[in-house]
PDB file of N, CA and C in Angstrom:
ATOM      1  N   GLY A   1     -24.234-168.080  78.760  1.00  0.00           N
ATOM      2  CA  GLY A   1     -23.955-168.999  77.038  1.00  0.00           C
ATOM      3  C   GLY A   1     -23.583-167.001  76.896  1.00  0.00           C
ATOM      4  N   ALA A   2     -23.238-168.123  75.312  1.00  0.00           N
ATOM      5  CA  ALA A   2     -21.758-167.163  74.457  1.00  0.00           C
ATOM      6  C   ALA A   2     -22.771-165.896  74.487  1.00  0.00           C
ATOM      7  N   GLY A   3     -24.089-165.829  73.536  1.00  0.00           N
ATOM      8  CA  GLY A   3     -24.495-164.697  73.875  1.00  0.00           C
ATOM      9  C   GLY A   3     -24.711-163.845  74.654  1.00  0.00           C
ATOM     10  N   SER A   4     -24.913-164.295  75.986  1.00  0.00           N
ATOM     11  CA  SER A   4     -24.896-163.105  76.729  1.00  0.00           C
ATOM     12  C   SER A   4     -22.994-162.967  77.621  1.00  0.00           C
ATOM     13  N   VAL A   5     -21.865-163.247  76.877  1.00  0.00           N
ATOM     14  CA  VAL A   5     -21.088-162.558  76.898  1.00  0.00           C
ATOM     15  C   VAL A   5     -20.889-162.366  76.170  1.00  0.00           C
ATOM     16  N   SER A   6     -21.156-162.165  74.896  1.00  0.00           N
ATOM     17  CA  SER A   6     -21.048-161.304  74.204  1.00  0.00           C
ATOM     18  C   SER A   6     -21.757-159.573  74.195  1.00  0.00           C
ATOM     19  N   GLU A   7     -23.242-160.400  74.297  1.00  0.00           N
ATOM     20  CA  GLU A   7     -23.634-158.723  75.462  1.00  0.00           C
ATOM     21  C   GLU A   7     -22.934-158.042  76.095  1.00  0.00           C
ATOM     22  N   LEU A   8     -22.476-159.047  77.155  1.00  0.00           N
ATOM     23  CA  LEU A   8     -22.285-158.182  78.359  1.00  0.00           C
ATOM     24  C   LEU A   8     -20.776-156.971  77.754  1.00  0.00           C
ATOM     25  N   CYS A   9     -19.721-158.209  76.494  1.00  0.00           N
ATOM     26  CA  CYS A   9     -18.425-157.515  76.214  1.00  0.00           C
ATOM     27  C   CYS A   9     -19.238-156.262  75.521  1.00  0.00           C
ATOM     28  N   MET A  10     -20.639-156.449  74.648  1.00  0.00           N
ATOM     29  CA  MET A  10     -21.006-154.875  74.023  1.00  0.00           C
ATOM     30  C   MET A  10     -20.991-153.492  74.987  1.00  0.00           C
ATOM     31  N   VAL A  11     -21.734-154.419  75.945  1.00  0.00           N
ATOM     32  CA  VAL A  11     -21.931-153.344  77.001  1.00  0.00           C
ATOM     33  C   VAL A  11     -21.145-152.120  78.072  1.00  0.00           C
ATOM     34  N   ALA A  12     -19.123-153.338  78.049  1.00  0.00           N
ATOM     35  CA  ALA A  12     -18.314-153.059  78.758  1.00  0.00           C
ATOM     36  C   ALA A  12     -18.731-152.845  80.422  1.00  0.00           C
ATOM     37  N   LYS A  13     -19.236-153.373  80.814  1.00  0.00           N
ATOM     38  CA  LYS A  13     -18.861-152.410  82.651  1.00  0.00           C
ATOM     39  C   LYS A  13     -18.432-153.722  83.070  1.00  0.00           C
ATOM     40  N   PRO A  14     -18.380-153.276  84.774  1.00  0.00           N
ATOM     41  CA  PRO A  14     -17.345-154.267  84.565  1.00  0.00           C
ATOM     42  C   PRO A  14     -18.411-156.230  85.578  1.00  0.00           C
ATOM     43  N   VAL A  15     -17.916-157.144  85.154  1.00  0.00           N
ATOM     44  CA  VAL A  15     -18.318-158.507  85.284  1.00  0.00           C
ATOM     45  C   VAL A  15     -17.894-159.186  86.006  1.00  0.00           C
ATOM     46  N   VAL A  16     -19.234-160.198  86.989  1.00  0.00           N
ATOM     47  CA  VAL A  16     -18.688-160.532  87.815  1.00  0.00           C
ATOM     48  C   VAL A  16     -19.667-161.833  87.981  1.00  0.00           C
ATOM     49  N   PHE A  17     -18.602-163.151  86.548  1.00  0.00           N
ATOM     50  CA  PHE A  17     -19.051-164.468  86.876  1.00  0.00           C
ATOM     51  C   PHE A  17     -18.905-165.606  88.050  1.00  0.00           C
ATOM     52  N   ILE A  18     -20.296-165.959  87.685  1.00  0.00           N
ATOM     53  CA  ILE A  18     -20.142-167.516  88.963  1.00  0.00           C
ATOM     54  C   ILE A  18     -21.135-168.605  88.505  1.00  0.00           C
ATOM     55  N   PRO A  19     -19.952-169.038  87.647  1.00  0.00           N
ATOM     56  CA  PRO A  19     -21.004-170.228  86.703  1.00  0.00           C
ATOM     57  C   PRO A  19     -21.855-170.986  87.605  1.00  0.00           C
ATOM     58  N   SER A  20     -21.877-171.373  87.175  1.00  0.00           N
ATOM     59  CA  SER A  20     -22.219-172.810  87.659  1.00  0.00           C
ATOM     60  C   SER A  20     -22.119-174.108  86.416  1.00  0.00           C
ATOM     61  N   PRO A  21     -21.380-174.755  87.765  1.00  0.00           N
ATOM     62  CA  PRO A  21     -20.582-175.934  86.998  1.00  0.00           C
ATOM     63  C   PRO A  21     -21.863-177.632  86.940  1.00  0.00           C
ATOM     64  N   ASN A  22     -22.899-177.459  87.071  1.00  0.00           N
ATOM     65  CA  ASN A  22     -23.940-178.422  87.026  1.00  0.00           C
ATOM     66  C   ASN A  22     -24.427-177.836  85.224  1.00  0.00           C
ATOM     67  N   VAL A  23     -23.661-177.686  84.326  1.00  0.00           N
ATOM     68  CA  VAL A  23     -23.612-177.509  82.555  1.00  0.00           C
ATOM     69  C   VAL A  23     -23.657-178.283  82.496  1.00  0.00           C
ATOM     70  N   ALA A  24     -23.552-178.440  80.431  1.00  0.00           N
ATOM     71  CA  ALA A  24     -23.519-179.316  79.728  1.00  0.00           C
ATOM     72  C   ALA A  24     -21.977-179.107  78.968  1.00  0.00           C
ATOM     73  N   GLU A  25     -21.060-180.131  79.544  1.00  0.00           N
ATOM     74  CA  GLU A  25     -19.577-179.668  79.682  1.00  0.00           C
ATOM     75  C   GLU A  25     -18.796-178.069  80.014  1.00  0.00           C
ATOM     76  N   ASP A  26     -19.618-177.775  81.039  1.00  0.00           N
ATOM     77  CA  ASP A  26     -18.745-177.048  82.110  1.00  0.00           C
ATOM     78  C   ASP A  26     -18.354-175.663  81.650  1.00  0.00           C
ATOM     79  N   HIS A  27     -19.654-175.670  80.199  1.00  0.00           N
ATOM     80  CA  HIS A  27     -19.235-174.209  79.413  1.00  0.00           C
ATOM     81  C   HIS A  27     -18.916-172.634  79.621  1.00  0.00           C
ATOM     82  N   GLN A  28     -19.974-172.621  81.292  1.00  0.00           N
ATOM     83  CA  GLN A  28     -19.929-171.277  81.752  1.00  0.00           C
ATOM     84  C   GLN A  28     -18.872-170.938  82.043  1.00  0.00           C
ATOM     85  N   THR A  29     -18.115-172.476  82.917  1.00  0.00           N
ATOM     86  CA  THR A  29     -16.516-171.846  83.311  1.00  0.00           C
ATOM     87  C   THR A  29     -15.903-171.360  82.041  1.00  0.00           C
ATOM     88  N   LYS A  30     -15.858-171.887  81.431  1.00  0.00           N
ATOM     89  CA  LYS A  30     -14.875-172.007  80.152  1.00  0.00           C
ATOM     90  C   LYS A  30     -14.942-170.709  79.299  1.00  0.00           C
ATOM     91  N   ASN A  31     -16.220-170.214  79.339  1.00  0.00           N
ATOM     92  CA  ASN A  31     -15.967-168.543  79.057  1.00  0.00           C
ATOM     93  C   ASN A  31     -16.537-167.449  79.241  1.00  0.00           C
ATOM     94  N   ALA A  32     -16.684-167.875  81.270  1.00  0.00           N
ATOM     95  CA  ALA A  32     -15.709-167.531  81.653  1.00  0.00           C
ATOM     96  C   ALA A  32     -14.387-166.529  81.441  1.00  0.00           C
ATOM     97  N   MET A  33     -13.658-168.244  82.081  1.00  0.00           N
ATOM     98  CA  MET A  33     -11.876-167.721  81.884  1.00  0.00           C
ATOM     99  C   MET A  33     -11.602-167.815  80.253  1.00  0.00           C
ATOM    100  N   SER A  34     -12.681-167.624  79.061  1.00  0.00           N
ATOM    101  CA  SER A  34     -11.596-166.999  78.113  1.00  0.00           C
ATOM    102  C   SER A  34     -12.045-165.162  77.908  1.00  0.00           C
ATOM    103  N   LEU A  35     -12.821-164.969  79.591  1.00  0.00           N
ATOM    104  CA  LEU A  35     -12.861-163.593  79.633  1.00  0.00           C
ATOM    105  C   LEU A  35     -11.566-162.687  80.275  1.00  0.00           C
ATOM    106  N   VAL A  36     -11.576-163.583  81.973  1.00  0.00           N
ATOM    107  CA  VAL A  36     -10.397-163.842  82.737  1.00  0.00           C
ATOM    108  C   VAL A  36      -8.807-163.541  82.320  1.00  0.00           C
ATOM    109  N   LYS A  37      -9.075-164.040  81.391  1.00  0.00           N
ATOM    110  CA  LYS A  37      -7.699-164.266  81.223  1.00  0.00           C
ATOM    111  C   LYS A  37      -7.229-163.562  80.585  1.00  0.00           C
ATOM    112  N   GLU A  38      -8.457-162.111  79.397  1.00  0.00           N
ATOM    113  CA  GLU A  38      -8.116-160.851  79.206  1.00  0.00           C
ATOM    114  C   GLU A  38      -7.814-159.470  79.497  1.00  0.00           C
ATOM    115  N   GLU A  39      -8.477-160.384  81.077  1.00  0.00           N
ATOM    116  CA  GLU A  39      -8.304-159.183  82.111  1.00  0.00           C
ATOM    117  C   GLU A  39      -9.505-158.291  82.179  1.00  0.00           C
ATOM    118  N   ALA A  40     -10.682-159.594  81.672  1.00  0.00           N
ATOM    119  CA  ALA A  40     -11.638-158.652  81.749  1.00  0.00           C
ATOM    120  C   ALA A  40     -12.632-158.835  82.392  1.00  0.00           C
ATOM    121  N   ALA A  41     -12.587-160.187  82.851  1.00  0.00           N
ATOM    122  CA  ALA A  41     -14.212-160.123  84.200  1.00  0.00           C
ATOM    123  C   ALA A  41     -13.126-160.410  85.254  1.00  0.00           C
ATOM    124  N   ILE A  42     -14.290-160.688  86.219  1.00  0.00           N
ATOM    125  CA  ILE A  42     -13.656-162.499  87.129  1.00  0.00           C
ATOM    126  C   ILE A  42     -14.678-162.630  88.102  1.00  0.00           C
ATOM    127  N   MET A  43     -14.228-164.273  88.023  1.00  0.00           N
ATOM    128  CA  MET A  43     -14.719-165.164  87.952  1.00  0.00           C
ATOM    129  C   MET A  43     -14.808-165.669  89.447  1.00  0.00           C
ATOM    130  N   LEU A  44     -15.578-165.838  90.012  1.00  0.00           N
ATOM    131  CA  LEU A  44     -15.707-166.678  91.314  1.00  0.00           C
ATOM    132  C   LEU A  44     -16.131-168.530  91.805  1.00  0.00           C
ATOM    133  N   LYS A  45     -15.989-169.441  91.308  1.00  0.00           N
ATOM    134  CA  LYS A  45     -17.026-170.366  92.087  1.00  0.00           C
ATOM    135  C   LYS A  45     -17.823-170.437  92.965  1.00  0.00           C
ATOM    136  N   GLU A  46     -18.950-171.490  92.307  1.00  0.00           N
ATOM    137  CA  GLU A  46     -19.589-171.971  93.515  1.00  0.00           C
ATOM    138  C   GLU A  46     -19.043-171.889  94.559  1.00  0.00           C
ATOM    139  N   THR A  47     -18.220-172.818  94.823  1.00  0.00           N
ATOM    140  CA  THR A  47     -17.186-172.726  95.761  1.00  0.00           C
ATOM    141  C   THR A  47     -17.105-172.156  97.042  1.00  0.00           C
ATOM    142  N   GLU A  48     -16.558-170.902  95.937  1.00  0.00           N
ATOM    143  CA  GLU A  48     -15.657-169.918  96.628  1.00  0.00           C
ATOM    144  C   GLU A  48     -16.687-168.758  96.877  1.00  0.00           C
ATOM    145  N   LEU A  49     -18.199-169.009  96.890  1.00  0.00           N
ATOM    146  CA  LEU A  49     -18.563-167.440  97.445  1.00  0.00           C
ATOM    147  C   LEU A  49     -19.056-166.759  98.834  1.00  0.00           C
ATOM    148  N   GLU A  50     -18.686-168.730 100.006  1.00  0.00           N
ATOM    149  CA  GLU A  50     -18.830-167.988 101.326  1.00  0.00           C
ATOM    150  C   GLU A  50     -17.781-167.119 101.595  1.00  0.00           C
ATOM    151  N   GLU A  51     -16.734-168.041 100.629  1.00  0.00           N
ATOM    152  CA  GLU A  51     -15.077-167.689 101.267  1.00  0.00           C
ATOM    153  C   GLU A  51     -14.838-165.606 100.495  1.00  0.00           C
ATOM    154  N   LYS A  52     -15.512-165.996  99.422  1.00  0.00           N
ATOM    155  CA  LYS A  52     -14.669-164.526  98.416  1.00  0.00           C
ATOM    156  C   LYS A  52     -15.025-164.106  98.187  1.00  0.00           C
ATOM    157  N   PHE A  53     -16.645-163.680  98.062  1.00  0.00           N
ATOM    158  CA  PHE A  53     -17.474-163.321  97.127  1.00  0.00           C
ATOM    159  C   PHE A  53     -17.494-161.468  97.912  1.00  0.00           C
ATOM    160  N   GLN A  54     -17.833-160.999  98.911  1.00  0.00           N
ATOM    161  CA  GLN A  54     -17.574-160.395  99.313  1.00  0.00           C
ATOM    162  C   GLN A  54     -16.308-159.690  99.125  1.00  0.00           C
ATOM    163  N   GLN A  55     -15.656-159.544 100.278  1.00  0.00           N
ATOM    164  CA  GLN A  55     -13.854-159.114  99.226  1.00  0.00           C
ATOM    165  C   GLN A  55     -13.861-158.965  97.486  1.00  0.00           C
ATOM    166  N   GLU A  56     -13.916-160.468  96.884  1.00  0.00           N
ATOM    167  CA  GLU A  56     -13.872-159.716  95.456  1.00  0.00           C
ATOM    168  C   GLU A  56     -15.202-158.476  95.035  1.00  0.00           C
ATOM    169  N   PHE A  57     -16.244-158.837  95.742  1.00  0.00           N
ATOM    170  CA  PHE A  57     -17.790-157.948  95.488  1.00  0.00           C
ATOM    171  C   PHE A  57     -17.072-156.245  95.279  1.00  0.00           C
ATOM    172  N   SER A  58     -15.898-156.355  97.202  1.00  0.00           N
ATOM    173  CA  SER A  58     -15.509-155.343  97.904  1.00  0.00           C
ATOM    174  C   SER A  58     -15.105-154.666  97.099  1.00  0.00           C
ATOM    175  N   ALA A  59     -13.704-155.126  96.683  1.00  0.00           N
ATOM    176  CA  ALA A  59     -12.465-154.836  95.990  1.00  0.00           C
ATOM    177  C   ALA A  59     -13.035-153.407  94.250  1.00  0.00           C
ATOM    178  N   LEU A  60     -13.886-154.418  94.822  1.00  0.00           N
ATOM    179  CA  LEU A  60     -14.666-154.083  92.553  1.00  0.00           C
ATOM    180  C   LEU A  60     -15.564-152.827  92.754  1.00  0.00           C
ATOM    181  N   ILE A  61     -16.158-153.035  93.648  1.00  0.00           N
ATOM    182  CA  ILE A  61     -16.283-151.644  94.125  1.00  0.00           C
ATOM    183  C   ILE A  61     -16.389-150.473  94.643  1.00  0.00           C
ATOM    184  N   SER A  62     -14.416-150.817  95.168  1.00  0.00           N
ATOM    185  CA  SER A  62     -13.818-149.187  96.444  1.00  0.00           C
ATOM    186  C   SER A  62     -12.704-149.165  95.103  1.00  0.00           C
ATOM    187  N   SER A  63     -12.231-149.520  93.845  1.00  0.00           N
ATOM    188  CA  SER A  63     -11.918-149.455  93.126  1.00  0.00           C
ATOM    189  C   SER A  63     -11.945-148.684  91.659  1.00  0.00           C
ATOM    190  N   GLU A  64     -12.024-147.748  91.641  1.00  0.00           N
ATOM    191  CA  GLU A  64     -12.449-147.167  90.462  1.00  0.00           C
ATOM    192  C   GLU A  64     -11.589-147.620  89.066  1.00  0.00           C
ATOM    193  N   THR A  65     -10.463-147.742  89.235  1.00  0.00           N
ATOM    194  CA  THR A  65      -9.002-148.324  88.206  1.00  0.00           C
ATOM    195  C   THR A  65      -9.504-149.542  87.971  1.00  0.00           C
ATOM    196  N   LEU A  66     -10.255-150.742  88.685  1.00  0.00           N
ATOM    197  CA  LEU A  66     -10.042-152.123  88.207  1.00  0.00           C
ATOM    198  C   LEU A  66     -11.284-152.210  87.476  1.00  0.00           C
ATOM    199  N   GLN A  67     -12.222-150.945  87.847  1.00  0.00           N
ATOM    200  CA  GLN A  67     -13.434-151.151  87.263  1.00  0.00           C
ATOM    201  C   GLN A  67     -12.928-150.999  85.295  1.00  0.00           C
ATOM    202  N   GLN A  68     -12.102-149.142  85.528  1.00  0.00           N
ATOM    203  CA  GLN A  68     -12.105-148.744  84.639  1.00  0.00           C
ATOM    204  C   GLN A  68     -11.192-149.819  83.145  1.00  0.00           C
ATOM    205  N   LYS A  69     -10.206-150.038  84.196  1.00  0.00           N
ATOM    206  CA  LYS A  69      -9.526-151.708  83.893  1.00  0.00           C
ATOM    207  C   LYS A  69     -10.744-153.101  82.922  1.00  0.00           C
ATOM    208  N   LEU A  70     -11.437-153.766  83.672  1.00  0.00           N
ATOM    209  CA  LEU A  70     -12.213-154.098  82.731  1.00  0.00           C
ATOM    210  C   LEU A  70     -12.709-154.306  82.317  1.00  0.00           C
ATOM    211  N   SER A  71     -13.279-152.954  82.047  1.00  0.00           N
ATOM    212  CA  SER A  71     -14.836-151.982  80.699  1.00  0.00           C
ATOM    213  C   SER A  71     -13.778-152.088  80.316  1.00  0.00           C
ATOM    214  N   ALA A  72     -12.685-151.537  79.926  1.00  0.00           N
ATOM    215  CA  ALA A  72     -11.828-151.497  78.792  1.00  0.00           C
ATOM    216  C   ALA A  72     -11.841-152.564  77.825  1.00  0.00           C
ATOM    217  N   ASN A  73     -10.836-153.048  79.245  1.00  0.00           N
ATOM    218  CA  ASN A  73     -10.630-154.745  78.237  1.00  0.00           C
ATOM    219  C   ASN A  73     -12.109-155.293  78.022  1.00  0.00           C
ATOM    220  N   ILE A  74     -12.823-155.830  78.270  1.00  0.00           N
ATOM    221  CA  ILE A  74     -13.804-156.481  78.110  1.00  0.00           C
ATOM    222  C   ILE A  74     -14.302-155.713  76.404  1.00  0.00           C
ATOM    223  N   LEU A  75     -14.643-154.180  76.736  1.00  0.00           N
ATOM    224  CA  LEU A  75     -14.640-153.546  75.592  1.00  0.00           C
ATOM    225  C   LEU A  75     -13.866-154.328  73.918  1.00  0.00           C
ATOM    226  N   LYS A  76     -12.455-154.328  74.109  1.00  0.00           N
ATOM    227  CA  LYS A  76     -12.166-154.430  73.161  1.00  0.00           C
ATOM    228  C   LYS A  76     -12.794-156.044  72.584  1.00  0.00           C
ATOM    229  N   LEU A  77     -12.811-156.714  73.520  1.00  0.00           N
ATOM    230  CA  LEU A  77     -13.099-158.016  72.946  1.00  0.00           C
ATOM    231  C   LEU A  77     -15.440-158.086  71.830  1.00  0.00           C
ATOM    232  N   ALA A  78     -15.359-157.005  72.229  1.00  0.00           N
ATOM    233  CA  ALA A  78     -16.657-157.355  71.968  1.00  0.00           C
ATOM    234  C   ALA A  78     -16.682-157.242  69.989  1.00  0.00           C
ATOM    235  N   LYS A  79     -18.056-157.602  69.362  1.00  0.00           N
ATOM    236  CA  LYS A  79     -18.079-157.941  67.697  1.00  0.00           C
ATOM    237  C   LYS A  79     -19.085-157.676  67.236  1.00  0.00           C
ATOM    238  N   PRO A  80     -19.069-155.939  67.625  1.00  0.00           N
ATOM    239  CA  PRO A  80     -20.409-155.639  67.338  1.00  0.00           C
ATOM    240  C   PRO A  80     -20.860-155.258  66.420  1.00  0.00           C
ATOM    241  N   ASN A  81     -20.225-156.072  64.506  1.00  0.00           N
ATOM    242  CA  ASN A  81     -20.595-156.569  63.483  1.00  0.00           C
ATOM    243  C   ASN A  81     -21.121-157.087  63.046  1.00  0.00           C
ATOM    244  N   ALA A  82     -21.698-158.600  64.329  1.00  0.00           N
ATOM    245  CA  ALA A  82     -20.720-159.998  63.591  1.00  0.00           C
ATOM    246  C   ALA A  82     -21.935-161.029  62.890  1.00  0.00           C
ATOM    247  N   THR A  83     -22.936-160.150  63.543  1.00  0.00           N
ATOM    248  CA  THR A  83     -23.549-160.354  62.486  1.00  0.00           C
ATOM    249  C   THR A  83     -23.268-159.898  60.717  1.00  0.00           C
ATOM    250  N   LYS A  84     -23.092-158.992  60.249  1.00  0.00           N
ATOM    251  CA  LYS A  84     -23.463-158.826  59.085  1.00  0.00           C
ATOM    252  C   LYS A  84     -21.858-159.693  58.913  1.00  0.00           C
ATOM    253  N   ASP A  85     -20.742-159.774  59.036  1.00  0.00           N
ATOM    254  CA  ASP A  85     -19.684-160.129  59.345  1.00  0.00           C
ATOM    255  C   ASP A  85     -19.964-161.946  59.140  1.00  0.00           C
ATOM    256  N   ILE A  86     -20.874-162.235  59.211  1.00  0.00           N
ATOM    257  CA  ILE A  86     -21.094-164.012  59.265  1.00  0.00           C
ATOM    258  C   ILE A  86     -21.739-164.318  58.098  1.00  0.00           C
ATOM    259  N   ALA A  87     -22.651-162.874  57.462  1.00  0.00           N
ATOM    260  CA  ALA A  87     -23.731-162.975  56.837  1.00  0.00           C
ATOM    261  C   ALA A  87     -23.013-163.220  55.433  1.00  0.00           C
ATOM    262  N   ASP A  88     -21.412-162.285  55.824  1.00  0.00           N
ATOM    263  CA  ASP A  88     -21.503-162.481  54.730  1.00  0.00           C
ATOM    264  C   ASP A  88     -20.537-162.739  54.784  1.00  0.00           C
ATOM    265  N   GLU A  89     -19.692-163.558  54.921  1.00  0.00           N
ATOM    266  CA  GLU A  89     -19.426-164.882  54.677  1.00  0.00           C
ATOM    267  C   GLU A  89     -20.307-166.065  54.018  1.00  0.00           C
ATOM    268  N   ILE A  90     -20.892-166.514  54.381  1.00  0.00           N
ATOM    269  CA  ILE A  90     -22.581-167.169  54.284  1.00  0.00           C
ATOM    270  C   ILE A  90     -22.345-166.227  52.468  1.00  0.00           C
ATOM    271  N   GLU A  91     -23.039-165.232  52.157  1.00  0.00           N
ATOM    272  CA  GLU A  91     -22.967-165.003  51.182  1.00  0.00           C
ATOM    273  C   GLU A  91     -22.067-165.222  50.139  1.00  0.00           C
ATOM    274  N   LYS A  92     -20.434-164.458  50.998  1.00  0.00           N
ATOM    275  CA  LYS A  92     -19.683-165.125  49.389  1.00  0.00           C
ATOM    276  C   LYS A  92     -19.513-167.430  49.442  1.00  0.00           C
ATOM    277  N   LEU A  93     -19.536-168.317  50.664  1.00  0.00           N
ATOM    278  CA  LEU A  93     -19.730-169.533  50.449  1.00  0.00           C
ATOM    279  C   LEU A  93     -20.670-169.757  48.884  1.00  0.00           C
ATOM    280  N   ILE A  94     -21.934-168.310  49.482  1.00  0.00           N
ATOM    281  CA  ILE A  94     -22.430-169.117  48.444  1.00  0.00           C
ATOM    282  C   ILE A  94     -22.316-168.850  47.031  1.00  0.00           C
ATOM    283  N   LYS A  95     -22.143-167.594  46.816  1.00  0.00           N
ATOM    284  CA  LYS A  95     -21.047-167.261  46.024  1.00  0.00           C
ATOM    285  C   LYS A  95     -20.458-167.383  44.927  1.00  0.00           C
ATOM    286  N   LYS A  96     -19.509-168.873  45.837  1.00  0.00           N
ATOM    287  CA  LYS A  96     -18.800-169.677  45.245  1.00  0.00           C
ATOM    288  C   LYS A  96     -19.265-170.519  44.550  1.00  0.00           C
ATOM    289  N   ASN A  97     -20.230-171.233  45.074  1.00  0.00           N
ATOM    290  CA  ASN A  97     -21.051-172.742  43.781  1.00  0.00           C
ATOM    291  C   ASN A  97     -21.822-172.336  43.536  1.00  0.00           C
TER     292      ASN A  97
END
């Protein structure tokens, strides 16, 4: 889920998502696509595994440039202070009332 995606952003490693289409509102695909659109991860659908997994994984393993690009881009999406930022906003709302 979103928590896992957040943690993956923090570790800044290349990621290959294989989302399950059998979850509520296909949220795993939506979460993965948000990173894929930023060139921060690779996504393969379950239906593509036999056809594309070996090719995609081999391309990732053999390309240091691709690994570095994915790592750099996923790190840009990290929110290391998210908990503090949320708590600060809640405190501001409480103080207003």
